[in-house]
Amino acid sequence: MSSKLRDLIFVLICILTVIAVIFHNIRTATEEVLYIEIETTEPEIEIETKYGIPIESYRIEFGTVSRGETLGGILQRHGITAYQVDKISRMPSDTLNVTRINIGRPYAVFTDTITDSIPRMDYFVYENGTVFYTVYDFTNYDTIIIERHRKHVDTITRSASGIIESSLWNAIVKEELPWALAIAMSQVFAWTVDFYALKKGDAFKVIYDEYYVEDNSIGIGDIKAGLFFHHGKELWAIPFEQNGETGYFDTLGNNTRKTFMKAPLQYTRVSSRYSHARMHPVHRRPRAHLAVDFAAPTGTPVYAASDGVIVTRAYGVGPGYYIKIRHNSVYSTVYMHFSRFGKYHVGNHVNQGDIIGYVGSTGWSTGPHLHYEIHENGQKIDPLKFEPPPADPVDSVNMKRFNSEKREWIDKIIAISPDFFEKK
């Protein structure tokens, strides 16, 4: 090998060595930079807030609206000018009346004690209810920002059970359950359970949601699933969604909802039954009473017994304020003696359960009650003996999915203590 060739090979080896060292250093440097970035990442500092406002450097004063107080009066008492109050009063109130406050509602005043030598209110917070509150932001003199906020609501799924000794209400009280649970159950089982004919030994198991704001219960949601042992029968309410709507079904997939409600209101007693010769309380002579009267306090909501269209909404000498609904070519219903109507008018379609009016004593009436008629092919029939067909069952194409979901709900209900259903 010539000396020139050896020199050339030596030079190439040196060049390759230098290149290798450079690439190694570049890779090492890159790794160190990435490592440093990860190591120097600082955790975020959590700032304590109230109503979403950082409380540092603020003095917070809490109060409640007293009788005769106005929003303007409270704001001016805390340093807000009449000019600013006037600006608030002129703000549009399509979605929120920014000046309306109610007696007894809480509020909070956030006073800045650092920026100026004279304390100044930066925020005023008014609690509209248990969930919503309104923040009035005065941090910029020329611009007042008013925003409505919603508190965080926690949902806890609970289960409950009880045995009837005298009434559903007493069973609820005995088990120290929310009183609203009785109303929720009466709505879910309205078409299968006669709550005015409960017997000692009837029992129930339900699963429901309870809502909390700041660790305080604010009410319950709908019944998620339930079982009522009534007159020797197990009556299930299993939730299932089809065609975009969720309903309740029994274990065979039959809809627990009937095409007509058993009674279109929460009543205290049946004050007069269907009769062809009833002594009329006003005219004092026997007359046909082809309806049923449900006694209830004035103002009790009255619901549409089934889907339909309002064909009459009027006042009559005898019926007082009344409504007639046509449900289909066969059935229609009539509701009399309202104290006032609901929001629906003639020609409006109503769904079962929509409020169409409120119990009263208008017309020929001796006390607050609902006079309720069912017409079948133009003939009045006894509402208490009427057996309406059920609503649509689970569709055959959905049965596989229903049976799978049904099993899960049945297992959850059976697991609720005690096991009185298995002992029946």
Protein backbone atom coordinates (compact mmCIF):
# COMPACT_ATOMS: atom_id res chain seq x y z
CA MET A 1 0.00 0.00 0.00
CA SER A 2 1.39 3.38 -0.97
CA SER A 3 2.02 6.09 1.59
CA LYS A 4 -0.49 8.36 -0.12
CA LEU A 5 -3.26 5.76 0.19
CA ARG A 6 -2.45 5.23 3.93
CA ASP A 7 -2.61 8.97 4.51
CA LEU A 8 -5.99 9.19 2.75
CA ILE A 9 -7.42 6.34 4.84
CA PHE A 10 -6.17 7.97 8.04
CA VAL A 11 -7.81 11.27 7.12
CA LEU A 12 -11.15 9.52 6.38
CA ILE A 13 -11.05 7.70 9.74
CA CYS A 14 -10.46 11.00 11.55
CA ILE A 15 -13.35 12.67 9.75
CA LEU A 16 -15.76 9.80 10.58
CA THR A 17 -14.67 9.89 14.23
CA VAL A 18 -15.35 13.62 14.46
CA ILE A 19 -18.81 13.18 12.87
CA ALA A 20 -19.67 10.36 15.31
CA VAL A 21 -18.65 12.51 18.28
CA ILE A 22 -20.75 15.44 17.02
CA PHE A 23 -23.90 13.31 16.59
CA HIS A 24 -23.39 11.76 20.02
CA ASN A 25 -23.13 15.19 21.64
CA ILE A 26 -26.19 16.47 19.81
CA ARG A 27 -28.26 13.48 20.95
CA THR A 28 -26.96 13.81 24.52
CA ALA A 29 -27.72 17.53 24.62
CA THR A 30 -31.23 16.95 23.28
CA GLU A 31 -31.92 14.33 25.91
CA GLU A 32 -30.69 16.69 28.65
CA VAL A 33 -32.94 19.52 27.47
CA LEU A 34 -36.02 17.29 27.42
CA TYR A 35 -35.15 15.96 30.84
CA ILE A 36 -34.70 19.46 32.23
CA GLU A 37 -38.06 20.57 30.84
CA ILE A 38 -39.85 17.70 32.56
CA GLU A 39 -38.02 18.21 35.84
CA THR A 40 -38.66 21.94 36.00
CA THR A 41 -42.44 21.75 35.38
CA GLU A 42 -44.14 23.42 38.38
CA PRO A 43 -47.57 22.30 39.67
CA GLU A 44 -50.41 24.81 39.41
CA ILE A 45 -51.26 26.68 42.60
CA GLU A 46 -54.88 26.18 43.66
CA ILE A 47 -56.58 29.49 44.42
CA GLU A 48 -59.41 29.51 46.96
CA THR A 49 -62.62 30.93 45.52
CA LYS A 50 -66.22 31.64 46.48
CA TYR A 51 -68.83 31.81 43.70
CA GLY A 52 -65.87 31.49 41.32
CA ILE A 53 -64.29 34.71 42.70
CA PRO A 54 -60.78 34.54 44.23
CA ILE A 55 -61.33 35.53 47.86
CA GLU A 56 -57.77 36.73 48.53
CA SER A 57 -57.74 40.46 49.39
CA TYR A 58 -61.55 40.58 49.69
CA ARG A 59 -63.68 41.04 52.76
CA ILE A 60 -66.94 39.11 52.26
CA GLU A 61 -70.16 40.20 53.92
CA PHE A 62 -73.16 37.86 53.82
CA GLY A 63 -76.76 38.93 54.22
CA THR A 64 -80.38 38.17 53.32
CA VAL A 65 -82.92 40.35 51.56
CA SER A 66 -85.24 42.02 54.08
CA ARG A 67 -88.84 43.12 53.55
CA GLY A 68 -88.97 46.32 51.52
CA GLU A 69 -85.38 46.08 50.28
CA THR A 70 -84.55 46.56 46.61
CA LEU A 71 -81.48 45.67 44.62
CA GLY A 72 -80.72 49.35 44.09
CA GLY A 73 -80.99 50.10 47.78
CA ILE A 74 -78.60 47.30 48.76
CA LEU A 75 -76.07 48.28 46.08
CA GLN A 76 -76.10 51.99 46.98
CA ARG A 77 -75.68 51.11 50.66
CA HIS A 78 -72.40 49.45 49.66
CA GLY A 79 -71.05 52.30 47.57
CA ILE A 80 -72.52 51.70 44.10
CA THR A 81 -73.60 54.99 42.52
CA ALA A 82 -77.10 55.89 41.41
CA TYR A 83 -75.71 56.13 37.86
CA GLN A 84 -74.58 52.50 37.97
CA VAL A 85 -77.86 51.33 39.49
CA ASP A 86 -79.72 53.12 36.69
CA LYS A 87 -77.56 51.33 34.10
CA ILE A 88 -78.52 47.99 35.64
CA SER A 89 -82.24 48.82 35.61
CA ARG A 90 -82.04 49.56 31.88
CA MET A 91 -80.44 46.24 30.98
CA PRO A 92 -82.59 43.84 28.89
CA SER A 93 -84.27 41.08 30.90
CA ASP A 94 -85.34 38.58 28.23
CA THR A 95 -83.62 35.66 29.95
CA LEU A 96 -82.89 37.08 33.42
CA ASN A 97 -84.56 39.87 35.38
CA VAL A 98 -81.41 41.47 36.76
CA THR A 99 -83.23 43.71 39.27
CA ARG A 100 -85.65 41.21 40.82
CA ILE A 101 -84.84 39.98 44.32
CA ASN A 102 -87.00 38.13 46.84
CA ILE A 103 -87.37 38.41 50.59
CA GLY A 104 -85.19 35.94 52.49
CA ARG A 105 -82.81 35.16 49.63
CA PRO A 106 -79.09 35.27 50.58
CA TYR A 107 -76.51 37.57 49.01
CA ALA A 108 -72.80 38.32 49.39
CA VAL A 109 -70.78 41.53 49.07
CA PHE A 110 -67.10 41.32 48.03
CA THR A 111 -65.25 44.44 49.22
CA ASP A 112 -61.76 45.25 47.90
CA THR A 113 -59.62 46.29 50.88
CA ILE A 114 -56.25 46.59 49.12
CA THR A 115 -56.52 48.48 45.82
CA ASP A 116 -57.70 51.78 47.31
CA SER A 117 -57.50 53.30 50.73
CA ILE A 118 -61.31 53.46 50.71
CA PRO A 119 -63.04 50.03 50.68
CA ARG A 120 -64.97 49.42 47.45
CA MET A 121 -67.48 46.72 46.47
CA ASP A 122 -66.18 44.85 43.43
CA TYR A 123 -68.73 42.02 43.32
CA PHE A 124 -72.30 41.53 44.48
CA VAL A 125 -73.66 37.96 44.40
CA TYR A 126 -77.38 37.20 44.70
CA GLU A 127 -78.57 33.62 45.15
CA ASN A 128 -81.64 33.17 42.94
CA GLY A 129 -82.24 29.70 44.39
CA THR A 130 -80.47 26.64 45.67
CA VAL A 131 -78.69 26.06 42.35
CA PHE A 132 -78.48 29.37 40.46
CA TYR A 133 -76.82 32.62 41.50
CA THR A 134 -76.15 35.96 39.79
CA VAL A 135 -72.80 37.79 39.91
CA TYR A 136 -72.71 41.60 39.47
CA ASP A 137 -69.16 42.62 38.52
CA PHE A 138 -68.27 46.27 39.29
CA THR A 139 -64.49 45.98 38.85
CA ASN A 140 -64.68 48.30 35.82
CA TYR A 141 -66.61 51.52 36.45
CA ASP A 142 -67.74 52.01 32.84
CA THR A 143 -68.72 48.38 32.25
CA ILE A 144 -71.02 46.38 34.52
CA ILE A 145 -70.97 42.66 33.86
CA ILE A 146 -73.92 40.58 35.07
CA GLU A 147 -73.75 36.79 34.71
CA ARG A 148 -75.94 33.97 35.92
CA HIS A 149 -74.11 30.89 37.17
CA ARG A 150 -75.06 27.37 38.14
CA LYS A 151 -73.57 25.68 41.19
CA HIS A 152 -72.10 22.23 40.86
CA VAL A 153 -74.76 19.59 41.52
CA ASP A 154 -73.69 16.18 42.78
CA THR A 155 -75.88 13.18 41.98
CA ILE A 156 -75.98 10.21 44.33
CA THR A 157 -77.92 7.08 43.36
CA ARG A 158 -79.80 5.64 46.32
CA SER A 159 -82.07 2.70 47.02
CA ALA A 160 -85.04 2.50 49.38
CA SER A 161 -87.65 0.06 50.57
CA GLY A 162 -90.64 0.06 52.87
CA ILE A 163 -93.65 -1.93 54.04
CA ILE A 164 -97.11 -0.39 54.12
CA GLU A 165 -98.78 -0.33 57.52
CA SER A 166 -101.41 2.33 56.81
CA SER A 167 -100.31 4.53 53.90
CA LEU A 168 -97.39 5.15 51.56
CA TRP A 169 -96.73 8.48 53.27
CA ASN A 170 -96.42 6.86 56.71
CA ALA A 171 -94.08 4.21 55.29
CA ILE A 172 -91.88 6.96 53.83
CA VAL A 173 -91.80 8.80 57.15
CA LYS A 174 -91.03 5.60 59.09
CA GLU A 175 -88.02 4.84 56.89
CA GLU A 176 -86.87 8.49 57.11
CA LEU A 177 -86.92 8.83 53.32
CA PRO A 178 -87.42 12.09 51.36
CA TRP A 179 -91.10 13.05 51.27
CA ALA A 180 -90.76 13.72 47.53
CA LEU A 181 -90.15 10.00 47.03
CA ALA A 182 -93.84 9.31 47.70
CA ILE A 183 -94.83 11.70 44.91
CA ALA A 184 -92.25 10.24 42.53
CA MET A 185 -93.52 6.71 43.18
CA SER A 186 -97.14 7.75 42.73
CA GLN A 187 -96.22 9.08 39.28
CA VAL A 188 -94.22 6.02 38.17
CA PHE A 189 -96.81 3.52 39.41
CA ALA A 190 -99.84 5.74 38.65
CA TRP A 191 -101.23 3.29 36.08
CA THR A 192 -100.65 0.04 37.97
CA VAL A 193 -101.02 0.78 41.71
CA ASP A 194 -104.19 2.10 43.34
CA PHE A 195 -102.63 4.28 46.03
CA TYR A 196 -106.02 4.88 47.62
CA ALA A 197 -106.53 1.15 48.17
CA LEU A 198 -103.19 0.12 49.61
CA LYS A 199 -103.34 -2.80 52.05
CA LYS A 200 -101.26 -3.58 55.10
CA GLY A 201 -98.35 -5.70 53.94
CA ASP A 202 -97.99 -4.05 50.54
CA ALA A 203 -94.36 -3.09 50.01
CA PHE A 204 -91.93 -1.40 47.66
CA LYS A 205 -88.32 -1.22 46.52
CA VAL A 206 -86.99 1.63 44.39
CA ILE A 207 -83.77 3.07 43.02
CA TYR A 208 -83.61 6.85 42.59
CA ASP A 209 -81.21 9.78 42.32
CA GLU A 210 -80.77 12.41 45.03
CA TYR A 211 -79.19 15.79 44.21
CA TYR A 212 -76.78 17.74 46.42
CA VAL A 213 -75.36 21.26 46.30
CA GLU A 214 -72.52 22.02 48.71
CA ASP A 215 -73.34 18.85 50.69
CA ASN A 216 -76.99 19.91 51.12
CA SER A 217 -79.76 17.81 49.59
CA ILE A 218 -81.89 19.82 47.16
CA GLY A 219 -84.31 17.09 46.11
CA ILE A 220 -84.61 13.86 44.21
CA GLY A 221 -84.86 12.96 40.56
CA ASP A 222 -87.08 10.46 38.82
CA ILE A 223 -87.38 6.87 39.96
CA LYS A 224 -84.77 4.91 38.01
CA ALA A 225 -86.43 1.52 38.58
CA GLY A 226 -88.82 0.03 41.08
CA LEU A 227 -91.00 -2.82 42.27
CA PHE A 228 -94.29 -2.56 44.16
CA PHE A 229 -95.87 -5.55 45.89
CA HIS A 230 -99.59 -4.69 45.69
CA HIS A 231 -102.60 -6.89 46.40
CA GLY A 232 -100.49 -10.03 46.02
CA LYS A 233 -98.91 -8.97 42.71
CA GLU A 234 -95.37 -7.91 41.86
CA LEU A 235 -95.63 -4.75 39.76
CA TRP A 236 -92.34 -3.82 38.09
CA ALA A 237 -91.22 -0.51 36.64
CA ILE A 238 -88.16 -1.16 34.48
CA PRO A 239 -86.77 1.78 32.48
CA PHE A 240 -86.11 1.31 28.79
CA GLU A 241 -85.42 3.71 25.93
CA GLN A 242 -86.83 3.19 22.46
CA ASN A 243 -87.74 5.55 19.65
CA GLY A 244 -86.00 8.36 21.49
CA GLU A 245 -88.20 8.13 24.60
CA THR A 246 -87.71 6.40 27.94
CA GLY A 247 -90.65 4.63 29.57
CA TYR A 248 -91.32 2.01 32.23
CA PHE A 249 -92.13 -1.61 31.42
CA ASP A 250 -92.92 -4.82 33.26
CA THR A 251 -90.73 -7.94 33.01
CA LEU A 252 -92.52 -9.05 29.81
CA GLY A 253 -91.95 -5.74 28.06
CA ASN A 254 -95.51 -4.44 28.52
CA ASN A 255 -95.76 -0.69 29.01
CA THR A 256 -96.75 0.18 32.59
CA ARG A 257 -98.26 3.39 31.27
CA LYS A 258 -101.87 3.11 30.21
CA THR A 259 -103.47 5.17 27.49
CA PHE A 260 -105.50 6.90 30.26
CA MET A 261 -104.48 7.81 33.80
CA LYS A 262 -106.48 6.24 36.62
CA ALA A 263 -107.13 9.73 37.97
CA PRO A 264 -106.00 13.01 36.37
CA LEU A 265 -104.91 14.61 39.69
CA GLN A 266 -103.67 13.96 43.20
CA TYR A 267 -106.98 13.79 45.08
CA THR A 268 -107.93 13.30 48.73
CA ARG A 269 -111.09 11.22 48.21
CA VAL A 270 -113.85 10.35 45.76
CA SER A 271 -116.64 12.69 46.82
CA SER A 272 -119.23 11.49 44.31
CA ARG A 273 -119.39 8.42 42.07
CA TYR A 274 -120.94 7.64 38.70
CA SER A 275 -124.71 7.35 39.18
CA HIS A 276 -127.95 7.59 37.22
CA ALA A 277 -129.82 8.99 40.24
CA ARG A 278 -127.72 11.07 42.60
CA MET A 279 -129.16 13.68 44.95
CA HIS A 280 -127.75 16.89 43.47
CA PRO A 281 -126.05 18.98 46.21
CA VAL A 282 -127.21 22.28 44.68
CA HIS A 283 -130.64 21.50 43.19
CA ARG A 284 -131.65 19.09 45.97
CA ARG A 285 -133.33 16.54 43.72
CA PRO A 286 -132.20 13.28 42.09
CA ARG A 287 -130.28 13.78 38.87
CA ALA A 288 -127.94 11.66 36.79
CA HIS A 289 -124.28 12.14 37.64
CA LEU A 290 -122.46 10.33 34.84
CA ALA A 291 -119.00 11.24 36.10
CA VAL A 292 -116.78 10.96 39.15
CA ASP A 293 -115.95 13.83 41.51
CA PHE A 294 -112.48 13.95 43.06
CA ALA A 295 -112.21 16.17 46.15
CA ALA A 296 -108.92 18.11 46.32
CA PRO A 297 -107.68 21.46 47.64
CA THR A 298 -108.16 24.55 45.49
CA GLY A 299 -105.19 25.00 43.19
CA THR A 300 -104.35 21.29 42.87
CA PRO A 301 -103.00 20.71 39.31
CA VAL A 302 -105.24 18.75 36.94
CA TYR A 303 -103.54 16.74 34.18
CA ALA A 304 -104.62 15.64 30.74
CA ALA A 305 -105.64 12.01 31.28
CA SER A 306 -104.27 11.05 27.85
CA ASP A 307 -102.78 12.57 24.70
CA GLY A 308 -105.23 14.61 22.69
CA VAL A 309 -106.44 17.98 21.39
CA ILE A 310 -108.36 20.57 23.41
CA VAL A 311 -111.70 21.16 21.66
CA THR A 312 -113.42 23.26 24.35
CA ARG A 313 -112.05 25.74 26.88
CA ALA A 314 -114.82 27.88 28.28
CA TYR A 315 -117.01 28.97 31.21
CA GLY A 316 -120.48 27.56 31.74
CA VAL A 317 -123.11 28.31 34.36
CA GLY A 318 -123.10 24.73 35.64
CA PRO A 319 -119.57 23.45 34.93
CA GLY A 320 -117.78 26.73 35.68
CA TYR A 321 -114.38 26.83 33.99
CA TYR A 322 -114.07 23.58 32.05
CA ILE A 323 -112.13 21.84 29.30
CA LYS A 324 -112.92 19.04 26.88
CA ILE A 325 -110.18 16.99 25.20
CA ARG A 326 -110.67 14.74 22.16
CA HIS A 327 -108.22 11.85 22.36
CA ASN A 328 -109.18 9.90 19.23
CA SER A 329 -112.27 8.93 17.25
CA VAL A 330 -113.60 6.92 20.23
CA TYR A 331 -112.65 8.68 23.47
CA SER A 332 -112.87 12.19 24.90
CA THR A 333 -112.68 13.56 28.46
CA VAL A 334 -114.24 16.54 30.26
CA TYR A 335 -112.87 18.41 33.32
CA MET A 336 -115.08 20.88 35.25
CA HIS A 337 -115.04 23.49 38.05
CA PHE A 338 -111.48 24.78 37.51
CA SER A 339 -110.33 27.76 39.54
CA ARG A 340 -108.20 28.71 36.53
CA PHE A 341 -106.93 27.21 33.29
CA GLY A 342 -103.43 26.03 32.42
CA LYS A 343 -101.44 27.46 29.51
CA TYR A 344 -103.14 25.41 26.77
CA HIS A 345 -105.89 26.70 24.48
CA VAL A 346 -108.43 25.33 22.01
CA GLY A 347 -106.61 23.54 19.20
CA ASN A 348 -103.48 22.84 21.25
CA HIS A 349 -102.20 19.26 21.42
CA VAL A 350 -101.57 18.09 24.97
CA ASN A 351 -99.65 15.09 26.21
CA GLN A 352 -100.70 12.84 29.04
CA GLY A 353 -99.68 14.53 32.28
CA ASP A 354 -99.68 18.12 30.97
CA ILE A 355 -101.33 20.56 33.40
CA ILE A 356 -104.56 21.82 31.82
CA GLY A 357 -106.06 23.55 34.85
CA TYR A 358 -106.36 23.77 38.62
CA VAL A 359 -109.00 22.50 41.03
CA GLY A 360 -111.62 25.04 42.03
CA SER A 361 -115.30 25.43 42.86
CA THR A 362 -116.66 27.47 39.97
CA GLY A 363 -120.15 26.84 38.57
CA TRP A 364 -122.63 24.62 40.42
CA SER A 365 -120.31 23.42 43.15
CA THR A 366 -120.42 23.32 46.94
CA GLY A 367 -116.68 22.89 47.44
CA PRO A 368 -113.37 22.46 45.60
CA HIS A 369 -113.31 19.31 43.48
CA LEU A 370 -112.80 18.03 39.94
CA HIS A 371 -115.79 16.71 37.98
CA TYR A 372 -114.31 14.20 35.53
CA GLU A 373 -116.09 12.53 32.60
CA ILE A 374 -115.00 9.93 30.05
CA HIS A 375 -116.97 9.69 26.79
CA GLU A 376 -116.79 6.51 24.71
CA ASN A 377 -118.32 6.88 21.24
CA GLY A 378 -120.28 9.83 22.59
CA GLN A 379 -121.64 7.98 25.65
CA LYS A 380 -120.54 8.77 29.21
CA ILE A 381 -118.97 5.78 30.96
CA ASP A 382 -117.87 5.19 34.57
CA PRO A 383 -114.26 6.48 34.92
CA LEU A 384 -113.65 4.24 37.95
CA LYS A 385 -114.58 1.08 36.02
CA PHE A 386 -112.84 2.06 32.80
CA GLU A 387 -109.97 -0.30 31.91
CA PRO A 388 -107.84 1.47 29.31
CA PRO A 389 -105.43 -0.52 27.14
CA PRO A 390 -101.70 -0.15 27.82
CA ALA A 391 -99.47 2.05 25.73
CA ASP A 392 -97.07 0.54 23.18
CA PRO A 393 -94.93 -2.34 24.54
CA VAL A 394 -91.25 -2.93 23.81
CA ASP A 395 -90.87 -3.38 20.07
CA SER A 396 -89.88 -6.88 18.98
CA VAL A 397 -86.67 -5.57 17.39
CA ASN A 398 -85.63 -4.18 20.79
CA MET A 399 -86.48 -7.22 22.93
CA LYS A 400 -82.94 -8.63 23.03
CA ARG A 401 -81.56 -5.32 24.32
CA PHE A 402 -84.49 -4.95 26.74
CA ASN A 403 -83.96 -8.41 28.23
CA SER A 404 -80.28 -7.64 28.81
CA GLU A 405 -80.97 -4.31 30.53
CA LYS A 406 -83.95 -5.77 32.41
CA ARG A 407 -81.77 -8.40 34.05
CA GLU A 408 -79.42 -5.76 35.43
CA TRP A 409 -82.27 -3.73 36.97
CA ILE A 410 -83.96 -6.81 38.44
CA ASP A 411 -80.71 -7.88 40.10
CA LYS A 412 -80.24 -4.40 41.58
CA ILE A 413 -83.82 -4.28 42.93
CA ILE A 414 -83.65 -7.78 44.44
CA ALA A 415 -80.39 -6.87 46.18
CA ILE A 416 -82.13 -4.10 48.15
CA SER A 417 -82.76 -5.11 51.77
CA PRO A 418 -85.01 -6.54 53.14
CA ASP A 419 -85.99 -9.61 51.13
CA PHE A 420 -89.73 -9.37 51.92
CA PHE A 421 -90.67 -10.03 48.29
CA GLU A 422 -89.05 -13.45 48.39
CA LYS A 423 -90.97 -14.27 51.58
CA LYS A 424 -94.38 -13.61 50.06
